[in-house]
PDB file of N, CA and C in Angstrom:
ATOM      1  N   UNK A   1       2.828  -8.796 -25.055  1.00  0.00           N
ATOM      2  CA  UNK A   1       3.781  -8.535 -24.181  1.00  0.00           C
ATOM      3  C   UNK A   1       4.635  -8.572 -23.504  1.00  0.00           C
ATOM      4  N   UNK A   2       6.035  -8.045 -23.966  1.00  0.00           N
ATOM      5  CA  UNK A   2       7.389  -7.677 -23.101  1.00  0.00           C
ATOM      6  C   UNK A   2       7.032  -7.617 -22.130  1.00  0.00           C
ATOM      7  N   UNK A   3       7.853  -8.715 -20.677  1.00  0.00           N
ATOM      8  CA  UNK A   3       7.965  -7.916 -19.278  1.00  0.00           C
ATOM      9  C   UNK A   3       9.477  -8.237 -19.004  1.00  0.00           C
ATOM     10  N   UNK A   4       9.911  -7.330 -18.962  1.00  0.00           N
ATOM     11  CA  UNK A   4      11.420  -7.323 -18.726  1.00  0.00           C
ATOM     12  C   UNK A   4      11.584  -6.727 -17.116  1.00  0.00           C
ATOM     13  N   UNK A   5      12.463  -7.476 -16.470  1.00  0.00           N
ATOM     14  CA  UNK A   5      12.323  -7.698 -14.793  1.00  0.00           C
ATOM     15  C   UNK A   5      13.735  -7.516 -14.618  1.00  0.00           C
ATOM     16  N   UNK A   6      14.311  -6.327 -13.771  1.00  0.00           N
ATOM     17  CA  UNK A   6      15.314  -5.937 -12.906  1.00  0.00           C
ATOM     18  C   UNK A   6      15.105  -6.398 -11.747  1.00  0.00           C
ATOM     19  N   UNK A   7      16.631  -6.816 -11.090  1.00  0.00           N
ATOM     20  CA  UNK A   7      16.621  -7.123  -9.273  1.00  0.00           C
ATOM     21  C   UNK A   7      17.762  -5.951  -9.497  1.00  0.00           C
ATOM     22  N   UNK A   8      17.635  -5.155  -8.920  1.00  0.00           N
ATOM     23  CA  UNK A   8      18.441  -4.432  -8.191  1.00  0.00           C
ATOM     24  C   UNK A   8      19.540  -4.905  -6.842  1.00  0.00           C
ATOM     25  N   UNK A   9      20.653  -5.296  -7.107  1.00  0.00           N
ATOM     26  CA  UNK A   9      21.367  -6.207  -6.164  1.00  0.00           C
ATOM     27  C   UNK A   9      21.089  -6.869  -5.153  1.00  0.00           C
ATOM     28  N   UNK A  10      20.415  -8.281  -5.791  1.00  0.00           N
ATOM     29  CA  UNK A  10      20.305  -8.993  -5.907  1.00  0.00           C
ATOM     30  C   UNK A  10      19.954 -10.035  -6.748  1.00  0.00           C
ATOM     31  N   UNK A  11      19.558 -11.061  -6.600  1.00  0.00           N
ATOM     32  CA  UNK A  11      19.031 -12.282  -8.005  1.00  0.00           C
ATOM     33  C   UNK A  11      17.717 -12.289  -7.220  1.00  0.00           C
ATOM     34  N   UNK A  12      16.695 -12.044  -8.115  1.00  0.00           N
ATOM     35  CA  UNK A  12      15.479 -12.787  -7.894  1.00  0.00           C
ATOM     36  C   UNK A  12      15.376 -13.936  -7.872  1.00  0.00           C
ATOM     37  N   UNK A  13      14.161 -15.283  -7.074  1.00  0.00           N
ATOM     38  CA  UNK A  13      14.166 -16.550  -7.339  1.00  0.00           C
ATOM     39  C   UNK A  13      13.111 -16.847  -8.473  1.00  0.00           C
ATOM     40  N   UNK A  14      13.549 -17.900  -8.941  1.00  0.00           N
ATOM     41  CA  UNK A  14      12.520 -18.217 -10.003  1.00  0.00           C
ATOM     42  C   UNK A  14      10.922 -18.010  -9.652  1.00  0.00           C
ATOM     43  N   UNK A  15      10.292 -18.076  -8.438  1.00  0.00           N
ATOM     44  CA  UNK A  15       8.965 -18.135  -7.804  1.00  0.00           C
ATOM     45  C   UNK A  15       8.950 -16.896  -7.696  1.00  0.00           C
ATOM     46  N   UNK A  16       9.643 -15.345  -7.515  1.00  0.00           N
ATOM     47  CA  UNK A  16       8.901 -14.393  -7.893  1.00  0.00           C
ATOM     48  C   UNK A  16       9.553 -14.034  -8.985  1.00  0.00           C
ATOM     49  N   UNK A  17       9.530 -14.287  -9.966  1.00  0.00           N
ATOM     50  CA  UNK A  17      10.090 -13.973 -11.699  1.00  0.00           C
ATOM     51  C   UNK A  17       8.431 -14.431 -11.880  1.00  0.00           C
ATOM     52  N   UNK A  18       8.116 -16.218 -11.362  1.00  0.00           N
ATOM     53  CA  UNK A  18       6.951 -16.704 -12.456  1.00  0.00           C
ATOM     54  C   UNK A  18       5.688 -15.408 -11.493  1.00  0.00           C
ATOM     55  N   UNK A  19       5.823 -15.161 -10.613  1.00  0.00           N
ATOM     56  CA  UNK A  19       4.747 -14.676  -9.575  1.00  0.00           C
ATOM     57  C   UNK A  19       4.856 -13.255 -10.821  1.00  0.00           C
ATOM     58  N   UNK A  20       5.435 -12.291 -10.739  1.00  0.00           N
ATOM     59  CA  UNK A  20       5.040 -11.079 -11.850  1.00  0.00           C
ATOM     60  C   UNK A  20       4.838 -11.263 -12.670  1.00  0.00           C
ATOM     61  N   UNK A  21       5.366 -12.252 -13.261  1.00  0.00           N
ATOM     62  CA  UNK A  21       5.491 -12.757 -14.956  1.00  0.00           C
ATOM     63  C   UNK A  21       3.604 -13.184 -15.027  1.00  0.00           C
ATOM     64  N   UNK A  22       3.311 -13.373 -14.072  1.00  0.00           N
ATOM     65  CA  UNK A  22       1.807 -13.690 -13.638  1.00  0.00           C
ATOM     66  C   UNK A  22       0.575 -12.787 -13.704  1.00  0.00           C
ATOM     67  N   UNK A  23       1.480 -12.118 -12.487  1.00  0.00           N
ATOM     68  CA  UNK A  23       0.350 -10.415 -12.856  1.00  0.00           C
ATOM     69  C   UNK A  23       0.331  -9.695 -13.656  1.00  0.00           C
ATOM     70  N   UNK A  24       1.427  -9.494 -13.931  1.00  0.00           N
ATOM     71  CA  UNK A  24       1.663  -8.242 -14.997  1.00  0.00           C
ATOM     72  C   UNK A  24       0.890  -8.865 -16.170  1.00  0.00           C
ATOM     73  N   UNK A  25       1.112 -10.037 -16.238  1.00  0.00           N
ATOM     74  CA  UNK A  25       0.655 -10.324 -17.665  1.00  0.00           C
ATOM     75  C   UNK A  25      -1.110 -10.166 -17.808  1.00  0.00           C
ATOM     76  N   UNK A  26      -1.528 -10.203 -16.670  1.00  0.00           N
ATOM     77  CA  UNK A  26      -2.946  -9.961 -16.274  1.00  0.00           C
ATOM     78  C   UNK A  26      -3.143  -8.653 -17.412  1.00  0.00           C
ATOM     79  N   UNK A  27      -2.430  -8.012 -17.009  1.00  0.00           N
ATOM     80  CA  UNK A  27      -3.045  -6.523 -17.965  1.00  0.00           C
ATOM     81  C   UNK A  27      -3.314  -6.722 -18.951  1.00  0.00           C
ATOM     82  N   UNK A  28      -2.335  -7.239 -19.763  1.00  0.00           N
ATOM     83  CA  UNK A  28      -3.212  -7.741 -21.436  1.00  0.00           C
ATOM     84  C   UNK A  28      -4.777  -7.409 -21.214  1.00  0.00           C
ATOM     85  N   UNK A  29      -5.790  -8.701 -20.338  1.00  0.00           N
ATOM     86  CA  UNK A  29      -6.409  -8.346 -20.749  1.00  0.00           C
ATOM     87  C   UNK A  29      -7.515  -7.347 -20.253  1.00  0.00           C
ATOM     88  N   UNK A  30      -7.220  -6.182 -20.118  1.00  0.00           N
ATOM     89  CA  UNK A  30      -7.610  -5.335 -20.372  1.00  0.00           C
ATOM     90  C   UNK A  30      -7.448  -4.164 -21.182  1.00  0.00           C
ATOM     91  N   UNK A  31      -6.330  -4.176 -21.385  1.00  0.00           N
ATOM     92  CA  UNK A  31      -6.381  -3.685 -22.919  1.00  0.00           C
ATOM     93  C   UNK A  31      -4.917  -4.597 -23.931  1.00  0.00           C
ATOM     94  N   UNK A  32      -5.496  -4.629 -24.504  1.00  0.00           N
ATOM     95  CA  UNK A  32      -4.165  -5.075 -25.858  1.00  0.00           C
ATOM     96  C   UNK A  32      -3.248  -4.528 -26.388  1.00  0.00           C
ATOM     97  N   UNK A  33      -3.644  -3.232 -25.983  1.00  0.00           N
ATOM     98  CA  UNK A  33      -2.313  -2.319 -26.622  1.00  0.00           C
ATOM     99  C   UNK A  33      -1.611  -2.035 -26.113  1.00  0.00           C
ATOM    100  N   UNK A  34      -0.680  -2.792 -24.749  1.00  0.00           N
ATOM    101  CA  UNK A  34       0.114  -2.562 -24.075  1.00  0.00           C
ATOM    102  C   UNK A  34       1.430  -3.276 -24.798  1.00  0.00           C
ATOM    103  N   UNK A  35       2.698  -2.060 -25.008  1.00  0.00           N
ATOM    104  CA  UNK A  35       3.388  -2.461 -25.657  1.00  0.00           C
ATOM    105  C   UNK A  35       4.663  -3.241 -25.098  1.00  0.00           C
ATOM    106  N   UNK A  36       4.964  -3.081 -23.759  1.00  0.00           N
ATOM    107  CA  UNK A  36       5.649  -3.424 -23.121  1.00  0.00           C
ATOM    108  C   UNK A  36       5.757  -2.882 -21.726  1.00  0.00           C
ATOM    109  N   UNK A  37       6.560  -4.100 -20.707  1.00  0.00           N
ATOM    110  CA  UNK A  37       6.687  -3.632 -18.800  1.00  0.00           C
ATOM    111  C   UNK A  37       8.315  -3.728 -18.655  1.00  0.00           C
ATOM    112  N   UNK A  38       8.732  -2.692 -17.943  1.00  0.00           N
ATOM    113  CA  UNK A  38       9.595  -2.887 -16.574  1.00  0.00           C
ATOM    114  C   UNK A  38       9.115  -2.869 -15.075  1.00  0.00           C
ATOM    115  N   UNK A  39       9.703  -3.447 -15.105  1.00  0.00           N
ATOM    116  CA  UNK A  39       9.824  -3.960 -13.125  1.00  0.00           C
ATOM    117  C   UNK A  39      10.494  -4.076 -12.389  1.00  0.00           C
ATOM    118  N   UNK A  40      10.860  -3.028 -11.762  1.00  0.00           N
ATOM    119  CA  UNK A  40      12.417  -2.833 -11.146  1.00  0.00           C
ATOM    120  C   UNK A  40      11.903  -3.207 -10.026  1.00  0.00           C
ATOM    121  N   UNK A  41      12.789  -4.021  -9.125  1.00  0.00           N
ATOM    122  CA  UNK A  41      13.158  -4.569  -7.468  1.00  0.00           C
ATOM    123  C   UNK A  41      14.056  -4.196  -6.608  1.00  0.00           C
ATOM    124  N   UNK A  42      13.739  -3.728  -5.657  1.00  0.00           N
ATOM    125  CA  UNK A  42      14.738  -3.376  -4.835  1.00  0.00           C
ATOM    126  C   UNK A  42      14.637  -3.211  -3.588  1.00  0.00           C
ATOM    127  N   UNK A  43      15.682  -3.489  -2.459  1.00  0.00           N
ATOM    128  CA  UNK A  43      16.088  -3.569  -1.052  1.00  0.00           C
ATOM    129  C   UNK A  43      15.899  -2.120  -1.111  1.00  0.00           C
ATOM    130  N   UNK A  44      15.299  -1.224  -0.392  1.00  0.00           N
ATOM    131  CA  UNK A  44      15.305  -0.374   0.764  1.00  0.00           C
ATOM    132  C   UNK A  44      15.760  -0.335   1.561  1.00  0.00           C
ATOM    133  N   UNK A  45      17.115   0.066   2.210  1.00  0.00           N
ATOM    134  CA  UNK A  45      18.053   0.638   3.036  1.00  0.00           C
ATOM    135  C   UNK A  45      17.761   0.917   4.276  1.00  0.00           C
ATOM    136  N   UNK A  46      16.009   0.983   4.534  1.00  0.00           N
ATOM    137  CA  UNK A  46      16.002   1.472   6.028  1.00  0.00           C
ATOM    138  C   UNK A  46      15.114   0.393   6.556  1.00  0.00           C
ATOM    139  N   UNK A  47      15.466   0.471   7.741  1.00  0.00           N
ATOM    140  CA  UNK A  47      15.561  -0.750   9.614  1.00  0.00           C
ATOM    141  C   UNK A  47      13.656  -0.951   9.466  1.00  0.00           C
ATOM    142  N   UNK A  48      13.036  -0.387   8.439  1.00  0.00           N
ATOM    143  CA  UNK A  48      11.670  -0.734   8.094  1.00  0.00           C
ATOM    144  C   UNK A  48      11.408  -1.479   7.897  1.00  0.00           C
ATOM    145  N   UNK A  49      10.632  -2.961   8.291  1.00  0.00           N
ATOM    146  CA  UNK A  49       9.777  -4.286   7.901  1.00  0.00           C
ATOM    147  C   UNK A  49       9.885  -3.953   6.133  1.00  0.00           C
ATOM    148  N   UNK A  50       9.043  -2.800   6.094  1.00  0.00           N
ATOM    149  CA  UNK A  50       8.524  -2.154   4.780  1.00  0.00           C
ATOM    150  C   UNK A  50       9.434  -2.175   3.760  1.00  0.00           C
ATOM    151  N   UNK A  51      10.749  -3.236   3.436  1.00  0.00           N
ATOM    152  CA  UNK A  51      11.557  -2.609   2.760  1.00  0.00           C
ATOM    153  C   UNK A  51      11.572  -2.956   1.321  1.00  0.00           C
ATOM    154  N   UNK A  52      11.074  -3.441   0.475  1.00  0.00           N
ATOM    155  CA  UNK A  52      11.164  -4.287  -0.788  1.00  0.00           C
ATOM    156  C   UNK A  52       9.909  -3.083  -1.033  1.00  0.00           C
ATOM    157  N   UNK A  53      10.711  -2.288  -2.407  1.00  0.00           N
ATOM    158  CA  UNK A  53      10.207  -1.612  -3.339  1.00  0.00           C
ATOM    159  C   UNK A  53      10.334  -2.190  -5.168  1.00  0.00           C
ATOM    160  N   UNK A  54       9.042  -2.377  -5.052  1.00  0.00           N
ATOM    161  CA  UNK A  54       8.743  -2.395  -6.626  1.00  0.00           C
ATOM    162  C   UNK A  54       8.553  -1.001  -7.451  1.00  0.00           C
ATOM    163  N   UNK A  55       8.925  -1.498  -8.564  1.00  0.00           N
ATOM    164  CA  UNK A  55       8.559   0.077  -9.503  1.00  0.00           C
ATOM    165  C   UNK A  55       7.880  -1.205 -10.874  1.00  0.00           C
ATOM    166  N   UNK A  56       6.741  -0.074 -11.210  1.00  0.00           N
ATOM    167  CA  UNK A  56       6.300  -0.886 -12.488  1.00  0.00           C
ATOM    168  C   UNK A  56       6.123   0.119 -13.563  1.00  0.00           C
ATOM    169  N   UNK A  57       6.871   0.041 -14.702  1.00  0.00           N
ATOM    170  CA  UNK A  57       6.244   1.234 -15.984  1.00  0.00           C
ATOM    171  C   UNK A  57       5.898  -0.024 -17.049  1.00  0.00           C
ATOM    172  N   UNK A  58       4.649   0.574 -18.057  1.00  0.00           N
ATOM    173  CA  UNK A  58       3.892   0.236 -18.507  1.00  0.00           C
ATOM    174  C   UNK A  58       3.548   0.872 -19.782  1.00  0.00           C
ATOM    175  N   UNK A  59       3.997   0.461 -20.449  1.00  0.00           N
ATOM    176  CA  UNK A  59       4.528   1.699 -21.461  1.00  0.00           C
ATOM    177  C   UNK A  59       3.240   0.869 -22.875  1.00  0.00           C
ATOM    178  N   UNK A  60       2.597   1.995 -23.279  1.00  0.00           N
ATOM    179  CA  UNK A  60       1.375   1.634 -24.016  1.00  0.00           C
ATOM    180  C   UNK A  60       1.472   3.173 -24.815  1.00  0.00           C
ATOM    181  N   UNK A  61       0.431   3.003 -26.537  1.00  0.00           N
ATOM    182  CA  UNK A  61       0.985   3.624 -27.566  1.00  0.00           C
ATOM    183  C   UNK A  61       0.366   5.238 -27.138  1.00  0.00           C
ATOM    184  N   UNK A  62       1.777   6.133 -27.079  1.00  0.00           N
ATOM    185  CA  UNK A  62       1.745   7.109 -26.320  1.00  0.00           C
ATOM    186  C   UNK A  62       1.809   8.074 -24.953  1.00  0.00           C
ATOM    187  N   UNK A  63       1.996   6.943 -24.130  1.00  0.00           N
ATOM    188  CA  UNK A  63       1.640   6.891 -23.252  1.00  0.00           C
ATOM    189  C   UNK A  63       2.700   5.965 -22.147  1.00  0.00           C
ATOM    190  N   UNK A  64       2.879   6.229 -20.540  1.00  0.00           N
ATOM    191  CA  UNK A  64       3.359   5.507 -20.182  1.00  0.00           C
ATOM    192  C   UNK A  64       2.725   5.599 -18.756  1.00  0.00           C
ATOM    193  N   UNK A  65       2.670   3.846 -18.294  1.00  0.00           N
ATOM    194  CA  UNK A  65       1.954   3.894 -16.922  1.00  0.00           C
ATOM    195  C   UNK A  65       3.375   3.780 -15.820  1.00  0.00           C
ATOM    196  N   UNK A  66       2.697   4.045 -14.470  1.00  0.00           N
ATOM    197  CA  UNK A  66       4.131   3.969 -13.418  1.00  0.00           C
ATOM    198  C   UNK A  66       3.034   3.842 -12.580  1.00  0.00           C
ATOM    199  N   UNK A  67       3.771   2.843 -11.551  1.00  0.00           N
ATOM    200  CA  UNK A  67       3.075   2.857 -10.030  1.00  0.00           C
ATOM    201  C   UNK A  67       4.371   2.287  -9.548  1.00  0.00           C
ATOM    202  N   UNK A  68       4.353   2.642  -8.101  1.00  0.00           N
ATOM    203  CA  UNK A  68       6.206   2.018  -7.296  1.00  0.00           C
ATOM    204  C   UNK A  68       5.003   1.518  -6.258  1.00  0.00           C
ATOM    205  N   UNK A  69       5.279   0.967  -5.020  1.00  0.00           N
ATOM    206  CA  UNK A  69       4.640   0.316  -4.020  1.00  0.00           C
ATOM    207  C   UNK A  69       6.530   0.124  -3.049  1.00  0.00           C
ATOM    208  N   UNK A  70       5.756   0.010  -2.024  1.00  0.00           N
ATOM    209  CA  UNK A  70       7.031  -0.533  -0.998  1.00  0.00           C
ATOM    210  C   UNK A  70       6.032  -1.373   0.106  1.00  0.00           C
ATOM    211  N   UNK A  71       6.292  -2.676   0.389  1.00  0.00           N
ATOM    212  CA  UNK A  71       5.464  -3.533   0.958  1.00  0.00           C
ATOM    213  C   UNK A  71       6.639  -4.078   2.079  1.00  0.00           C
ATOM    214  N   UNK A  72       6.392  -5.229   2.904  1.00  0.00           N
ATOM    215  CA  UNK A  72       6.602  -6.422   3.557  1.00  0.00           C
ATOM    216  C   UNK A  72       7.361  -7.393   2.499  1.00  0.00           C
ATOM    217  N   UNK A  73       6.717  -7.801   1.733  1.00  0.00           N
ATOM    218  CA  UNK A  73       7.429  -8.336   0.898  1.00  0.00           C
ATOM    219  C   UNK A  73       7.099  -8.404  -0.781  1.00  0.00           C
ATOM    220  N   UNK A  74       7.389  -8.730  -1.496  1.00  0.00           N
ATOM    221  CA  UNK A  74       7.505  -8.080  -3.159  1.00  0.00           C
ATOM    222  C   UNK A  74       6.399  -8.561  -4.206  1.00  0.00           C
ATOM    223  N   UNK A  75       5.743  -9.599  -3.543  1.00  0.00           N
ATOM    224  CA  UNK A  75       4.714 -10.390  -3.865  1.00  0.00           C
ATOM    225  C   UNK A  75       3.550  -9.670  -3.274  1.00  0.00           C
ATOM    226  N   UNK A  76       3.430  -9.070  -2.255  1.00  0.00           N
ATOM    227  CA  UNK A  76       2.240  -8.097  -1.821  1.00  0.00           C
ATOM    228  C   UNK A  76       2.280  -6.729  -2.412  1.00  0.00           C
ATOM    229  N   UNK A  77       4.133  -6.352  -2.674  1.00  0.00           N
ATOM    230  CA  UNK A  77       3.664  -5.091  -3.516  1.00  0.00           C
ATOM    231  C   UNK A  77       3.750  -5.085  -5.263  1.00  0.00           C
ATOM    232  N   UNK A  78       3.732  -6.368  -5.505  1.00  0.00           N
ATOM    233  CA  UNK A  78       3.746  -6.732  -6.795  1.00  0.00           C
ATOM    234  C   UNK A  78       2.189  -6.392  -7.176  1.00  0.00           C
ATOM    235  N   UNK A  79       1.382  -7.349  -5.842  1.00  0.00           N
ATOM    236  CA  UNK A  79      -0.465  -7.706  -6.135  1.00  0.00           C
ATOM    237  C   UNK A  79      -1.069  -6.029  -6.166  1.00  0.00           C
ATOM    238  N   UNK A  80      -0.157  -4.878  -4.759  1.00  0.00           N
ATOM    239  CA  UNK A  80      -0.999  -4.003  -4.921  1.00  0.00           C
ATOM    240  C   UNK A  80      -1.012  -2.774  -6.109  1.00  0.00           C
ATOM    241  N   UNK A  81       0.468  -3.261  -6.681  1.00  0.00           N
ATOM    242  CA  UNK A  81       0.779  -1.834  -7.276  1.00  0.00           C
ATOM    243  C   UNK A  81      -0.140  -2.778  -9.282  1.00  0.00           C
ATOM    244  N   UNK A  82      -0.058  -3.679  -9.554  1.00  0.00           N
ATOM    245  CA  UNK A  82      -1.043  -4.503 -10.739  1.00  0.00           C
ATOM    246  C   UNK A  82      -1.859  -3.873 -10.029  1.00  0.00           C
ATOM    247  N   UNK A  83      -3.203  -4.119  -9.066  1.00  0.00           N
ATOM    248  CA  UNK A  83      -3.981  -3.677  -8.782  1.00  0.00           C
ATOM    249  C   UNK A  83      -4.062  -2.018  -9.184  1.00  0.00           C
ATOM    250  N   UNK A  84      -3.211  -1.126  -9.200  1.00  0.00           N
ATOM    251  CA  UNK A  84      -3.834   0.493  -9.276  1.00  0.00           C
ATOM    252  C   UNK A  84      -3.000   0.404 -10.652  1.00  0.00           C
ATOM    253  N   UNK A  85      -2.577  -0.141 -10.970  1.00  0.00           N
ATOM    254  CA  UNK A  85      -1.662  -0.218 -12.736  1.00  0.00           C
ATOM    255  C   UNK A  85      -3.219  -0.667 -13.283  1.00  0.00           C
ATOM    256  N   UNK A  86      -3.979  -2.190 -13.219  1.00  0.00           N
ATOM    257  CA  UNK A  86      -5.102  -2.421 -13.531  1.00  0.00           C
ATOM    258  C   UNK A  86      -6.472  -0.933 -13.808  1.00  0.00           C
ATOM    259  N   UNK A  87      -6.092  -0.288 -12.537  1.00  0.00           N
ATOM    260  CA  UNK A  87      -7.182   1.166 -12.804  1.00  0.00           C
ATOM    261  C   UNK A  87      -6.703   1.856 -14.018  1.00  0.00           C
ATOM    262  N   UNK A  88      -5.352   2.300 -14.008  1.00  0.00           N
ATOM    263  CA  UNK A  88      -4.580   3.179 -15.204  1.00  0.00           C
ATOM    264  C   UNK A  88      -4.901   2.368 -15.968  1.00  0.00           C
ATOM    265  N   UNK A  89      -5.021   1.560 -16.799  1.00  0.00           N
ATOM    266  CA  UNK A  89      -4.418   0.725 -17.978  1.00  0.00           C
ATOM    267  C   UNK A  89      -6.803   1.004 -18.426  1.00  0.00           C
ATOM    268  N   UNK A  90      -7.170   0.791 -17.350  1.00  0.00           N
ATOM    269  CA  UNK A  90      -8.983   0.476 -17.946  1.00  0.00           C
ATOM    270  C   UNK A  90      -9.223   2.008 -17.609  1.00  0.00           C
ATOM    271  N   UNK A  91      -8.388   2.959 -17.202  1.00  0.00           N
ATOM    272  CA  UNK A  91      -8.909   5.011 -17.416  1.00  0.00           C
ATOM    273  C   UNK A  91      -8.261   5.101 -18.709  1.00  0.00           C
ATOM    274  N   UNK A  92      -7.134   4.512 -18.928  1.00  0.00           N
ATOM    275  CA  UNK A  92      -6.234   4.835 -20.322  1.00  0.00           C
ATOM    276  C   UNK A  92      -7.386   4.483 -21.850  1.00  0.00           C
ATOM    277  N   UNK A  93      -8.287   3.155 -22.005  1.00  0.00           N
ATOM    278  CA  UNK A  93      -7.953   2.218 -22.695  1.00  0.00           C
ATOM    279  C   UNK A  93      -9.552   3.082 -22.942  1.00  0.00           C
ATOM    280  N   UNK A  94     -10.428   3.792 -21.460  1.00  0.00           N
ATOM    281  CA  UNK A  94     -11.885   4.316 -21.934  1.00  0.00           C
ATOM    282  C   UNK A  94     -11.463   5.657 -23.052  1.00  0.00           C
ATOM    283  N   UNK A  95     -10.499   6.387 -22.114  1.00  0.00           N
ATOM    284  CA  UNK A  95      -9.658   7.471 -23.451  1.00  0.00           C
ATOM    285  C   UNK A  95      -9.681   7.210 -24.405  1.00  0.00           C
ATOM    286  N   UNK A  96      -9.008   6.807 -25.023  1.00  0.00           N
ATOM    287  CA  UNK A  96      -8.317   6.327 -26.111  1.00  0.00           C
ATOM    288  C   UNK A  96      -9.563   5.977 -27.108  1.00  0.00           C
ATOM    289  N   UNK A  97     -10.539   4.856 -26.083  1.00  0.00           N
ATOM    290  CA  UNK A  97     -11.568   4.179 -27.107  1.00  0.00           C
ATOM    291  C   UNK A  97     -12.704   5.270 -27.371  1.00  0.00           C
ATOM    292  N   UNK A  98     -12.687   5.952 -26.020  1.00  0.00           N
ATOM    293  CA  UNK A  98     -14.050   7.512 -26.335  1.00  0.00           C
ATOM    294  C   UNK A  98     -13.529   8.254 -27.277  1.00  0.00           C
ATOM    295  N   UNK A  99     -12.572   8.147 -28.104  1.00  0.00           N
ATOM    296  CA  UNK A  99     -11.911   9.406 -29.424  1.00  0.00           C
ATOM    297  C   UNK A  99     -12.094   8.818 -30.741  1.00  0.00           C
TER     298      UNK A  99
END
């Protein structure tokens, strides 16, 4: 699976990129038909401490799975987003294999 990471208006450090690749890469364990994924990282302009926004798009045959999370850290947003996507991927796999 190809993983594209786009950090908007800042440069993501190597540690964060490695964390994203590790977490998002694990989605392949649940469904090997994932085509690619796009991750968008950006800082929300609010005064709120939870100003790290992560959007993850996962392309599967004939569909696109999507999740958006806003947390205090990018790592936390990635972790909770991947947890939600894991459920979506499993559900998608059940639907496609069940047919």
